[in-house]
Amino acid sequence: MRLLRFMLTLVLAGSTSLAVAADAPKKATTIDELAKMFDSTGCKECHQEIYAQWEKSHHARPFMGVAGGMMLTPVVTDSAFKIEKSEQATLKTFPCFKCHLPQATRWAEDSVAQELAAALMANPQDKAKVAKLQITCLVCHSEKAIAHRLKDGNPEPGVVYGSKEGAHDSKTHPKMKKSVIMKQAIFCGQCHGTGPNFEFDYPVQCATLYGSYQHNYLPGGGQKSCQECHMAKTKEGFADHLIAPNFDDKEATAALMAKSVHLTVDTLGYQWLRKAKTYTPKIVVNTKITHDAGHRIPDG
């Protein structure tokens, strides 16, 4: 009887696993498929101001670098992850995906990496194709909305995560649930502060903002979260989704730096009596640079 019960349990467990697997969405095999999976253009209808801010942010162009530069080119042409042909590329070829395209690590096949490599290695480079890969609204408000997945599970399909619970006026995402990390620094720390990435076959050292924030800013008495500084409320009452600085906007970046970075200069002038009746003018200049940011700058 016990054996029968045990066998029945295994069968039911197996059936459940198959059902879950059958319901799970297929992974994207092309850049267009991946872009469609996380397409957030529908958000624009109700959130025009926020969407306009996001379009100017670096999240909207995570692979384009500053001034339209192609930051991934050295990865495939001159790095430990260098490949000779685009067909050799895999998801592991692009460790940058971990933060610059986190949805790809879970929802893309190696063929997406191969297509991206081909776009980067083309002459001229296919910038339009690379530009389709973005950190969209759904990446933050779904894919990265849950950090403690062992306890809370994976993000649910058809759900947008934010600060409220209830219905959501969207055909593709009709439900809204609260994310316990959305307003906490750990939410940003998932990408901005991963430090040395030892899980790769060739470990890489990346941004350490979150580590700097935790180990320097907070112990020094700082109390603000990443969001309070970088997503302060606008006059309309919602968080600024530009998430400054936008390094393509040099004037705004300079103004932001001027508020945060301080230069103190002390000078001492004197005359050096090298020999009788010979006075040589001298000056000593001491400079000190400090900043009020909650982390190291520059960093990523």
C-alpha atoms as a PDB file:
ATOM      1  CA  MET A   1       0.000   0.000   0.000  1.00  0.00           C
ATOM      2  CA  ARG A   2       2.801   2.383   0.889  1.00  0.00           C
ATOM      3  CA  LEU A   3       4.590   1.526  -2.357  1.00  0.00           C
ATOM      4  CA  LEU A   4       1.414   2.210  -4.334  1.00  0.00           C
ATOM      5  CA  ARG A   5       0.949   5.550  -2.583  1.00  0.00           C
ATOM      6  CA  PHE A   6       4.598   6.464  -3.306  1.00  0.00           C
ATOM      7  CA  MET A   7       4.249   5.550  -7.004  1.00  0.00           C
ATOM      8  CA  LEU A   8       1.044   7.576  -7.263  1.00  0.00           C
ATOM      9  CA  THR A   9       2.822  10.577  -5.736  1.00  0.00           C
ATOM     10  CA  LEU A  10       5.598  10.310  -8.319  1.00  0.00           C
ATOM     11  CA  VAL A  11       3.103  10.135 -11.171  1.00  0.00           C
ATOM     12  CA  LEU A  12       1.203  13.194  -9.915  1.00  0.00           C
ATOM     13  CA  ALA A  13       4.431  15.121  -9.395  1.00  0.00           C
ATOM     14  CA  GLY A  14       5.545  14.239 -12.881  1.00  0.00           C
ATOM     15  CA  SER A  15       2.214  15.335 -14.338  1.00  0.00           C
ATOM     16  CA  THR A  16       2.431  18.640 -12.506  1.00  0.00           C
ATOM     17  CA  SER A  17       5.960  19.237 -13.795  1.00  0.00           C
ATOM     18  CA  LEU A  18       4.856  18.508 -17.363  1.00  0.00           C
ATOM     19  CA  ALA A  19       1.931  20.879 -17.012  1.00  0.00           C
ATOM     20  CA  VAL A  20       4.185  23.663 -15.735  1.00  0.00           C
ATOM     21  CA  ALA A  21       6.661  23.026 -18.537  1.00  0.00           C
ATOM     22  CA  ALA A  22       3.858  23.082 -21.107  1.00  0.00           C
ATOM     23  CA  ASP A  23       2.523  26.409 -19.787  1.00  0.00           C
ATOM     24  CA  ALA A  24       5.958  28.035 -19.652  1.00  0.00           C
ATOM     25  CA  PRO A  25       6.572  30.446 -22.564  1.00  0.00           C
ATOM     26  CA  LYS A  26       9.130  29.441 -25.142  1.00  0.00           C
ATOM     27  CA  LYS A  27      12.495  31.118 -25.142  1.00  0.00           C
ATOM     28  CA  ALA A  28      13.206  33.709 -27.821  1.00  0.00           C
ATOM     29  CA  THR A  29      15.288  32.530 -30.771  1.00  0.00           C
ATOM     30  CA  THR A  30      15.699  35.947 -32.417  1.00  0.00           C
ATOM     31  CA  ILE A  31      16.263  39.517 -31.304  1.00  0.00           C
ATOM     32  CA  ASP A  32      12.800  40.471 -32.560  1.00  0.00           C
ATOM     33  CA  GLU A  33      11.183  37.695 -30.516  1.00  0.00           C
ATOM     34  CA  LEU A  34      12.998  38.757 -27.340  1.00  0.00           C
ATOM     35  CA  ALA A  35      12.107  42.411 -27.947  1.00  0.00           C
ATOM     36  CA  LYS A  36       8.452  41.442 -28.429  1.00  0.00           C
ATOM     37  CA  MET A  37       8.384  39.429 -25.187  1.00  0.00           C
ATOM     38  CA  PHE A  38       9.320  42.540 -23.199  1.00  0.00           C
ATOM     39  CA  ASP A  39       7.757  45.170 -25.447  1.00  0.00           C
ATOM     40  CA  SER A  40       6.495  48.036 -23.288  1.00  0.00           C
ATOM     41  CA  THR A  41       5.135  50.405 -25.907  1.00  0.00           C
ATOM     42  CA  GLY A  42       1.655  49.718 -24.525  1.00  0.00           C
ATOM     43  CA  CYS A  43       2.687  51.434 -21.283  1.00  0.00           C
ATOM     44  CA  LYS A  44       2.966  54.723 -23.153  1.00  0.00           C
ATOM     45  CA  GLU A  45      -0.806  55.125 -23.482  1.00  0.00           C
ATOM     46  CA  CYS A  46      -1.342  55.646 -19.748  1.00  0.00           C
ATOM     47  CA  HIS A  47       2.145  56.695 -18.649  1.00  0.00           C
ATOM     48  CA  GLN A  48       3.202  59.191 -21.309  1.00  0.00           C
ATOM     49  CA  GLU A  49       5.489  61.332 -19.139  1.00  0.00           C
ATOM     50  CA  ILE A  50       7.226  58.346 -17.557  1.00  0.00           C
ATOM     51  CA  TYR A  51       7.664  56.673 -20.942  1.00  0.00           C
ATOM     52  CA  ALA A  52       9.147  59.856 -22.397  1.00  0.00           C
ATOM     53  CA  GLN A  53      11.656  60.000 -19.541  1.00  0.00           C
ATOM     54  CA  TRP A  54      12.569  56.336 -20.004  1.00  0.00           C
ATOM     55  CA  GLU A  55      13.164  56.857 -23.741  1.00  0.00           C
ATOM     56  CA  LYS A  56      15.901  59.390 -22.873  1.00  0.00           C
ATOM     57  CA  SER A  57      17.479  57.130 -20.266  1.00  0.00           C
ATOM     58  CA  HIS A  58      20.369  54.708 -20.637  1.00  0.00           C
ATOM     59  CA  HIS A  59      17.960  51.874 -19.875  1.00  0.00           C
ATOM     60  CA  ALA A  60      16.452  52.501 -23.308  1.00  0.00           C
ATOM     61  CA  ARG A  61      19.861  52.021 -24.958  1.00  0.00           C
ATOM     62  CA  PRO A  62      21.889  49.694 -22.694  1.00  0.00           C
ATOM     63  CA  PHE A  63      24.134  48.528 -25.548  1.00  0.00           C
ATOM     64  CA  MET A  64      24.569  51.833 -27.356  1.00  0.00           C
ATOM     65  CA  GLY A  65      26.980  53.461 -24.920  1.00  0.00           C
ATOM     66  CA  VAL A  66      27.456  57.227 -24.879  1.00  0.00           C
ATOM     67  CA  ALA A  67      26.697  59.258 -28.016  1.00  0.00           C
ATOM     68  CA  GLY A  68      25.475  56.181 -29.884  1.00  0.00           C
ATOM     69  CA  GLY A  69      28.685  54.222 -29.411  1.00  0.00           C
ATOM     70  CA  MET A  70      28.630  50.427 -29.737  1.00  0.00           C
ATOM     71  CA  MET A  71      29.976  49.370 -26.344  1.00  0.00           C
ATOM     72  CA  LEU A  72      29.734  45.632 -27.094  1.00  0.00           C
ATOM     73  CA  THR A  73      32.062  45.672 -30.094  1.00  0.00           C
ATOM     74  CA  PRO A  74      35.249  45.037 -28.063  1.00  0.00           C
ATOM     75  CA  VAL A  75      33.585  42.016 -26.426  1.00  0.00           C
ATOM     76  CA  VAL A  76      33.421  40.093 -29.704  1.00  0.00           C
ATOM     77  CA  THR A  77      36.527  41.564 -31.339  1.00  0.00           C
ATOM     78  CA  ASP A  78      39.114  42.086 -28.601  1.00  0.00           C
ATOM     79  CA  SER A  79      38.473  40.390 -25.267  1.00  0.00           C
ATOM     80  CA  ALA A  80      38.639  37.015 -23.551  1.00  0.00           C
ATOM     81  CA  PHE A  81      35.207  36.388 -25.109  1.00  0.00           C
ATOM     82  CA  LYS A  82      36.421  37.142 -28.645  1.00  0.00           C
ATOM     83  CA  ILE A  83      34.975  35.028 -31.456  1.00  0.00           C
ATOM     84  CA  GLU A  84      36.047  34.546 -35.056  1.00  0.00           C
ATOM     85  CA  LYS A  85      32.563  34.024 -36.497  1.00  0.00           C
ATOM     86  CA  SER A  86      29.143  35.095 -35.273  1.00  0.00           C
ATOM     87  CA  GLU A  87      27.985  31.469 -35.354  1.00  0.00           C
ATOM     88  CA  GLN A  88      30.378  30.759 -32.470  1.00  0.00           C
ATOM     89  CA  ALA A  89      28.585  33.143 -30.115  1.00  0.00           C
ATOM     90  CA  THR A  90      26.565  31.877 -27.158  1.00  0.00           C
ATOM     91  CA  LEU A  91      24.871  33.609 -24.247  1.00  0.00           C
ATOM     92  CA  LYS A  92      28.135  33.118 -22.327  1.00  0.00           C
ATOM     93  CA  THR A  93      29.926  35.194 -24.979  1.00  0.00           C
ATOM     94  CA  PHE A  94      28.131  38.226 -23.566  1.00  0.00           C
ATOM     95  CA  PRO A  95      28.592  38.375 -19.777  1.00  0.00           C
ATOM     96  CA  CYS A  96      27.223  41.923 -20.123  1.00  0.00           C
ATOM     97  CA  PHE A  97      23.741  40.402 -20.509  1.00  0.00           C
ATOM     98  CA  LYS A  98      23.651  39.842 -16.754  1.00  0.00           C
ATOM     99  CA  CYS A  99      22.932  43.538 -16.209  1.00  0.00           C
ATOM    100  CA  HIS A 100      22.601  45.180 -19.613  1.00  0.00           C
ATOM    101  CA  LEU A 101      19.989  42.682 -20.828  1.00  0.00           C
ATOM    102  CA  PRO A 102      18.964  40.536 -17.840  1.00  0.00           C
ATOM    103  CA  GLN A 103      15.880  39.139 -19.569  1.00  0.00           C
ATOM    104  CA  ALA A 104      18.127  37.380 -22.102  1.00  0.00           C
ATOM    105  CA  THR A 105      19.782  35.208 -19.469  1.00  0.00           C
ATOM    106  CA  ARG A 106      16.448  33.515 -18.751  1.00  0.00           C
ATOM    107  CA  TRP A 107      14.397  33.948 -21.899  1.00  0.00           C
ATOM    108  CA  ALA A 108      16.802  33.781 -24.861  1.00  0.00           C
ATOM    109  CA  GLU A 109      18.474  30.992 -26.801  1.00  0.00           C
ATOM    110  CA  ASP A 110      22.082  31.130 -28.008  1.00  0.00           C
ATOM    111  CA  SER A 111      20.740  32.089 -31.448  1.00  0.00           C
ATOM    112  CA  VAL A 112      19.950  35.559 -30.065  1.00  0.00           C
ATOM    113  CA  ALA A 113      23.612  35.978 -29.096  1.00  0.00           C
ATOM    114  CA  GLN A 114      24.635  34.826 -32.577  1.00  0.00           C
ATOM    115  CA  GLU A 115      22.341  37.376 -34.216  1.00  0.00           C
ATOM    116  CA  LEU A 116      23.706  40.123 -31.973  1.00  0.00           C
ATOM    117  CA  ALA A 117      27.285  39.116 -32.761  1.00  0.00           C
ATOM    118  CA  ALA A 118      26.499  39.251 -36.490  1.00  0.00           C
ATOM    119  CA  ALA A 119      25.080  42.777 -36.077  1.00  0.00           C
ATOM    120  CA  LEU A 120      28.216  43.885 -34.228  1.00  0.00           C
ATOM    121  CA  MET A 121      30.626  42.261 -36.681  1.00  0.00           C
ATOM    122  CA  ALA A 122      28.864  43.546 -39.807  1.00  0.00           C
ATOM    123  CA  ASN A 123      30.372  46.349 -41.860  1.00  0.00           C
ATOM    124  CA  PRO A 124      28.687  48.712 -41.310  1.00  0.00           C
ATOM    125  CA  GLN A 125      27.375  47.594 -37.942  1.00  0.00           C
ATOM    126  CA  ASP A 126      23.634  47.051 -37.692  1.00  0.00           C
ATOM    127  CA  LYS A 127      22.881  49.644 -35.011  1.00  0.00           C
ATOM    128  CA  ALA A 128      19.136  49.446 -35.577  1.00  0.00           C
ATOM    129  CA  LYS A 129      19.100  45.779 -34.607  1.00  0.00           C
ATOM    130  CA  VAL A 130      21.265  46.311 -31.526  1.00  0.00           C
ATOM    131  CA  ALA A 131      19.023  49.205 -30.459  1.00  0.00           C
ATOM    132  CA  LYS A 132      16.046  46.805 -30.214  1.00  0.00           C
ATOM    133  CA  LEU A 133      17.605  45.257 -27.108  1.00  0.00           C
ATOM    134  CA  GLN A 134      16.425  47.420 -24.224  1.00  0.00           C
ATOM    135  CA  ILE A 135      15.787  47.352 -20.505  1.00  0.00           C
ATOM    136  CA  THR A 136      12.099  48.073 -20.832  1.00  0.00           C
ATOM    137  CA  CYS A 137       9.339  48.759 -18.307  1.00  0.00           C
ATOM    138  CA  LEU A 138       8.559  45.043 -18.095  1.00  0.00           C
ATOM    139  CA  VAL A 139      12.162  44.148 -17.296  1.00  0.00           C
ATOM    140  CA  CYS A 140      12.025  46.214 -14.108  1.00  0.00           C
ATOM    141  CA  HIS A 141       8.333  45.846 -13.294  1.00  0.00           C
ATOM    142  CA  SER A 142       8.228  42.108 -13.921  1.00  0.00           C
ATOM    143  CA  GLU A 143      11.476  40.217 -14.538  1.00  0.00           C
ATOM    144  CA  LYS A 144      13.510  41.992 -11.815  1.00  0.00           C
ATOM    145  CA  ALA A 145      10.626  42.769  -9.437  1.00  0.00           C
ATOM    146  CA  ILE A 146      11.267  39.711  -7.242  1.00  0.00           C
ATOM    147  CA  ALA A 147      14.714  39.075  -5.791  1.00  0.00           C
ATOM    148  CA  HIS A 148      13.984  36.361  -3.211  1.00  0.00           C
ATOM    149  CA  ARG A 149      12.590  33.795  -5.637  1.00  0.00           C
ATOM    150  CA  LEU A 150      13.242  30.772  -3.453  1.00  0.00           C
ATOM    151  CA  LYS A 151      10.603  32.174  -1.084  1.00  0.00           C
ATOM    152  CA  ASP A 152       8.420  34.348  -3.302  1.00  0.00           C
ATOM    153  CA  GLY A 153       8.633  32.434  -6.582  1.00  0.00           C
ATOM    154  CA  ASN A 154       9.171  33.790 -10.075  1.00  0.00           C
ATOM    155  CA  PRO A 155       7.291  36.817 -11.415  1.00  0.00           C
ATOM    156  CA  GLU A 156       3.831  35.778 -12.547  1.00  0.00           C
ATOM    157  CA  PRO A 157       2.858  36.125 -16.220  1.00  0.00           C
ATOM    158  CA  GLY A 158       0.327  38.860 -16.879  1.00  0.00           C
ATOM    159  CA  VAL A 159       1.292  40.752 -13.722  1.00  0.00           C
ATOM    160  CA  VAL A 160       2.912  44.175 -13.406  1.00  0.00           C
ATOM    161  CA  TYR A 161       4.740  44.713 -10.114  1.00  0.00           C
ATOM    162  CA  GLY A 162       4.885  48.066  -8.394  1.00  0.00           C
ATOM    163  CA  SER A 163       3.802  49.698  -5.143  1.00  0.00           C
ATOM    164  CA  LYS A 164       0.127  48.728  -5.267  1.00  0.00           C
ATOM    165  CA  GLU A 165      -2.202  45.738  -5.576  1.00  0.00           C
ATOM    166  CA  GLY A 166      -5.223  45.528  -7.840  1.00  0.00           C
ATOM    167  CA  ALA A 167      -6.411  45.579 -11.409  1.00  0.00           C
ATOM    168  CA  HIS A 168      -4.219  46.988 -14.168  1.00  0.00           C
ATOM    169  CA  ASP A 169      -5.701  48.530 -17.313  1.00  0.00           C
ATOM    170  CA  SER A 170      -3.779  46.404 -19.793  1.00  0.00           C
ATOM    171  CA  LYS A 171      -4.777  43.532 -22.083  1.00  0.00           C
ATOM    172  CA  THR A 172      -1.442  41.750 -21.685  1.00  0.00           C
ATOM    173  CA  HIS A 173      -0.922  42.494 -17.958  1.00  0.00           C
ATOM    174  CA  PRO A 174      -4.346  42.839 -16.292  1.00  0.00           C
ATOM    175  CA  LYS A 175      -3.098  42.410 -12.734  1.00  0.00           C
ATOM    176  CA  MET A 176      -0.925  44.572 -10.499  1.00  0.00           C
ATOM    177  CA  LYS A 177       0.948  43.269  -7.458  1.00  0.00           C
ATOM    178  CA  LYS A 178       3.209  44.863  -4.896  1.00  0.00           C
ATOM    179  CA  SER A 179       6.943  44.275  -5.119  1.00  0.00           C
ATOM    180  CA  VAL A 180       8.571  44.296  -1.686  1.00  0.00           C
ATOM    181  CA  ILE A 181      11.899  45.470  -3.135  1.00  0.00           C
ATOM    182  CA  MET A 182      10.773  48.076  -5.690  1.00  0.00           C
ATOM    183  CA  LYS A 183      11.520  51.039  -3.397  1.00  0.00           C
ATOM    184  CA  GLN A 184      14.598  49.533  -1.770  1.00  0.00           C
ATOM    185  CA  ALA A 185      18.207  49.947  -2.827  1.00  0.00           C
ATOM    186  CA  ILE A 186      18.521  46.179  -3.295  1.00  0.00           C
ATOM    187  CA  PHE A 187      16.253  46.499  -6.338  1.00  0.00           C
ATOM    188  CA  CYS A 188      18.855  48.640  -8.135  1.00  0.00           C
ATOM    189  CA  GLY A 189      21.673  46.603  -6.624  1.00  0.00           C
ATOM    190  CA  GLN A 190      20.637  43.583  -8.697  1.00  0.00           C
ATOM    191  CA  CYS A 191      22.475  45.184 -11.609  1.00  0.00           C
ATOM    192  CA  HIS A 192      24.284  48.241 -10.271  1.00  0.00           C
ATOM    193  CA  GLY A 193      26.794  46.612  -7.997  1.00  0.00           C
ATOM    194  CA  THR A 194      27.421  42.991  -8.815  1.00  0.00           C
ATOM    195  CA  GLY A 195      31.177  43.378  -8.393  1.00  0.00           C
ATOM    196  CA  PRO A 196      33.421  40.492  -9.482  1.00  0.00           C
ATOM    197  CA  ASN A 197      31.404  37.986 -11.493  1.00  0.00           C
ATOM    198  CA  PHE A 198      33.054  34.694 -10.643  1.00  0.00           C
ATOM    199  CA  GLU A 199      30.298  32.567 -12.151  1.00  0.00           C
ATOM    200  CA  PHE A 200      31.648  33.185 -15.658  1.00  0.00           C
ATOM    201  CA  ASP A 201      34.261  30.902 -17.229  1.00  0.00           C
ATOM    202  CA  TYR A 202      36.407  34.040 -17.431  1.00  0.00           C
ATOM    203  CA  PRO A 203      35.497  36.192 -14.382  1.00  0.00           C
ATOM    204  CA  VAL A 204      35.009  39.897 -15.038  1.00  0.00           C
ATOM    205  CA  GLN A 205      35.018  42.900 -12.721  1.00  0.00           C
ATOM    206  CA  CYS A 206      32.071  45.210 -13.184  1.00  0.00           C
ATOM    207  CA  ALA A 207      30.246  47.978 -11.370  1.00  0.00           C
ATOM    208  CA  THR A 208      30.382  48.030  -7.590  1.00  0.00           C
ATOM    209  CA  LEU A 209      27.969  50.876  -6.849  1.00  0.00           C
ATOM    210  CA  TYR A 210      25.777  48.886  -4.500  1.00  0.00           C
ATOM    211  CA  GLY A 211      28.808  47.621  -2.559  1.00  0.00           C
ATOM    212  CA  SER A 212      30.139  51.153  -2.225  1.00  0.00           C
ATOM    213  CA  TYR A 213      26.691  52.321  -1.116  1.00  0.00           C
ATOM    214  CA  GLN A 214      26.457  49.578   1.520  1.00  0.00           C
ATOM    215  CA  HIS A 215      29.987  49.687   2.866  1.00  0.00           C
ATOM    216  CA  ASN A 216      30.735  53.414   2.723  1.00  0.00           C
ATOM    217  CA  TYR A 217      27.624  55.553   2.404  1.00  0.00           C
ATOM    218  CA  LEU A 218      25.384  53.755   4.928  1.00  0.00           C
ATOM    219  CA  PRO A 219      28.093  53.275   7.619  1.00  0.00           C
ATOM    220  CA  GLY A 220      28.941  56.953   7.203  1.00  0.00           C
ATOM    221  CA  GLY A 221      25.425  57.944   8.229  1.00  0.00           C
ATOM    222  CA  GLY A 222      23.722  58.061   4.823  1.00  0.00           C
ATOM    223  CA  GLN A 223      20.012  57.299   4.889  1.00  0.00           C
ATOM    224  CA  LYS A 224      18.738  57.702   1.330  1.00  0.00           C
ATOM    225  CA  SER A 225      18.014  54.882  -1.103  1.00  0.00           C
ATOM    226  CA  CYS A 226      19.194  54.818  -4.708  1.00  0.00           C
ATOM    227  CA  GLN A 227      15.674  55.744  -5.796  1.00  0.00           C
ATOM    228  CA  GLU A 228      15.481  58.802  -3.544  1.00  0.00           C
ATOM    229  CA  CYS A 229      18.496  60.339  -5.292  1.00  0.00           C
ATOM    230  CA  HIS A 230      18.138  59.052  -8.847  1.00  0.00           C
ATOM    231  CA  MET A 231      14.345  58.830  -9.099  1.00  0.00           C
ATOM    232  CA  ALA A 232      13.174  61.807  -7.078  1.00  0.00           C
ATOM    233  CA  LYS A 233       9.530  62.742  -7.527  1.00  0.00           C
ATOM    234  CA  THR A 234       8.737  65.186 -10.308  1.00  0.00           C
ATOM    235  CA  LYS A 235       6.276  68.046  -9.929  1.00  0.00           C
ATOM    236  CA  GLU A 236       3.630  65.692 -11.355  1.00  0.00           C
ATOM    237  CA  GLY A 237       4.159  63.437  -8.329  1.00  0.00           C
ATOM    238  CA  PHE A 238       5.680  60.340  -9.900  1.00  0.00           C
ATOM    239  CA  ALA A 239       9.257  59.075  -9.871  1.00  0.00           C
ATOM    240  CA  ASP A 240      11.619  60.447 -12.500  1.00  0.00           C
ATOM    241  CA  HIS A 241      12.313  57.541 -14.857  1.00  0.00           C
ATOM    242  CA  LEU A 242      15.180  59.283 -16.618  1.00  0.00           C
ATOM    243  CA  ILE A 243      17.229  57.915 -13.707  1.00  0.00           C
ATOM    244  CA  ALA A 244      19.921  60.568 -14.125  1.00  0.00           C
ATOM    245  CA  PRO A 245      22.608  61.082 -15.153  1.00  0.00           C
ATOM    246  CA  ASN A 246      21.990  60.840 -18.856  1.00  0.00           C
ATOM    247  CA  PHE A 247      25.571  61.097 -20.085  1.00  0.00           C
ATOM    248  CA  ASP A 248      24.398  62.070 -23.567  1.00  0.00           C
ATOM    249  CA  ASP A 249      23.012  65.285 -22.022  1.00  0.00           C
ATOM    250  CA  LYS A 250      26.322  66.943 -21.191  1.00  0.00           C
ATOM    251  CA  GLU A 251      24.779  70.132 -19.787  1.00  0.00           C
ATOM    252  CA  ALA A 252      22.513  68.310 -17.335  1.00  0.00           C
ATOM    253  CA  THR A 253      25.296  65.903 -16.363  1.00  0.00           C
ATOM    254  CA  ALA A 254      27.658  68.807 -15.688  1.00  0.00           C
ATOM    255  CA  ALA A 255      25.026  70.516 -13.516  1.00  0.00           C
ATOM    256  CA  LEU A 256      24.474  67.311 -11.545  1.00  0.00           C
ATOM    257  CA  MET A 257      28.202  66.815 -11.030  1.00  0.00           C
ATOM    258  CA  ALA A 258      28.595  70.451  -9.953  1.00  0.00           C
ATOM    259  CA  LYS A 259      26.115  69.804  -7.128  1.00  0.00           C
ATOM    260  CA  SER A 260      27.846  66.626  -5.983  1.00  0.00           C
ATOM    261  CA  VAL A 261      31.569  67.159  -6.582  1.00  0.00           C
ATOM    262  CA  HIS A 262      33.475  69.825  -4.678  1.00  0.00           C
ATOM    263  CA  LEU A 263      36.967  71.180  -5.266  1.00  0.00           C
ATOM    264  CA  THR A 264      38.818  72.988  -2.464  1.00  0.00           C
ATOM    265  CA  VAL A 265      42.010  74.858  -3.310  1.00  0.00           C
ATOM    266  CA  ASP A 266      44.463  76.327  -0.774  1.00  0.00           C
ATOM    267  CA  THR A 267      47.444  78.343  -1.915  1.00  0.00           C
ATOM    268  CA  LEU A 268      50.528  79.691  -0.177  1.00  0.00           C
ATOM    269  CA  GLY A 269      52.782  82.231  -1.840  1.00  0.00           C
ATOM    270  CA  TYR A 270      56.263  83.112  -0.621  1.00  0.00           C
ATOM    271  CA  GLN A 271      59.730  84.232  -1.749  1.00  0.00           C
ATOM    272  CA  TRP A 272      62.669  81.878  -1.595  1.00  0.00           C
ATOM    273  CA  LEU A 273      65.959  83.481  -0.626  1.00  0.00           C
ATOM    274  CA  ARG A 274      68.255  81.206  -2.591  1.00  0.00           C
ATOM    275  CA  LYS A 275      71.254  83.445  -2.064  1.00  0.00           C
ATOM    276  CA  ALA A 276      71.883  86.962  -0.829  1.00  0.00           C
ATOM    277  CA  LYS A 277      69.702  89.539  -2.588  1.00  0.00           C
ATOM    278  CA  THR A 278      68.102  86.865  -4.850  1.00  0.00           C
ATOM    279  CA  TYR A 279      64.432  86.312  -4.156  1.00  0.00           C
ATOM    280  CA  THR A 280      62.604  83.619  -6.167  1.00  0.00           C
ATOM    281  CA  PRO A 281      58.772  83.709  -6.103  1.00  0.00           C
ATOM    282  CA  LYS A 282      57.232  80.377  -5.096  1.00  0.00           C
ATOM    283  CA  ILE A 283      53.682  79.091  -4.671  1.00  0.00           C
ATOM    284  CA  VAL A 284      52.319  75.923  -3.046  1.00  0.00           C
ATOM    285  CA  VAL A 285      48.886  74.722  -4.214  1.00  0.00           C
ATOM    286  CA  ASN A 286      46.944  72.101  -2.256  1.00  0.00           C
ATOM    287  CA  THR A 287      43.773  70.705  -3.814  1.00  0.00           C
ATOM    288  CA  LYS A 288      41.138  68.421  -2.351  1.00  0.00           C
ATOM    289  CA  ILE A 289      38.260  66.825  -4.256  1.00  0.00           C
ATOM    290  CA  THR A 290      35.254  65.529  -2.316  1.00  0.00           C
ATOM    291  CA  HIS A 291      31.747  64.488  -3.302  1.00  0.00           C
ATOM    292  CA  ASP A 292      28.350  63.995  -1.740  1.00  0.00           C
ATOM    293  CA  ALA A 293      27.248  61.002  -3.826  1.00  0.00           C
ATOM    294  CA  GLY A 294      26.206  57.865  -1.996  1.00  0.00           C
ATOM    295  CA  HIS A 295      28.801  55.769  -3.800  1.00  0.00           C
ATOM    296  CA  ARG A 296      32.042  55.895  -5.733  1.00  0.00           C
ATOM    297  CA  ILE A 297      32.032  58.080  -8.827  1.00  0.00           C
ATOM    298  CA  PRO A 298      32.488  57.392 -11.599  1.00  0.00           C
ATOM    299  CA  ASP A 299      31.082  53.882 -11.518  1.00  0.00           C
ATOM    300  CA  GLY A 300      28.250  51.990 -13.168  1.00  0.00           C
END
